[in-house]
């Protein structure tokens, strides 16, 4: 027999069909389009479900030709992008892995690596020929899984970032390393740097700040939107996300 005094379940919060965030957190109406030269492909791990603080779809919304794919593996860059790519080496994959710009004594904000994970020779020539960028959206372990499950990435040019400041997430979402940035911050750094257009970074950073401000405004009134804390898997020594 049901309990007549039991509270009825709360109605689900509707989400935006574009950024897929809960509507109270959506800032799509303020997104400024950016016309740029380089292609942008964002590969999102299926378990990266931080709808509240994730930035992959918000990033892509700025660029008319950006592509977001959710999954674990694709046969090739062309299949992931949905269009032919003549030379995968003209696309960069941003993957930090164990590489740290400080350890490599790299001073530039964008650093191209060779197959050994060392700073590549002829940085200007390598970065100057790039036609597009692949970003891996997920936690550190999820990005690693995407890297290893897609061997075609080895045909691309691996790059890392050497940001001048830590992520704007601050205390809202803890990053394990100083060079760990949100997807939108990574896109801002690499696209603005490669195209030599600081306005790209300014526009993306402004959107990110608006998103974080909106989140802080609704956090107190709607605690159900807060990402669930991560728990450490002691058997494997990794963190498993338990996010909203």
Foldseek 3Di string as FASTA:
>chain_A
DDDPPDDDDDDDQDADPQLRARVLLDPLVVAAADEAQAEEEEEEEQQADLRQQACPRVLQSNYPQYYYHYDQEDAAPCRRSVHDDPAQQLEEEEACQVPDCVVLVHDDFKFWAAPVRHGDPPRVVSLQSHRYYYYYADANVSSVSSPVRYVNNNRYTYMYGDDPFAEPCPVLDDHPDRRDYHPLQVCQSSRCVSRVNNVSNVSSVVVSVSSVVSCVVCCVVCVVSRFDDWDADVVVRHIDGRTD
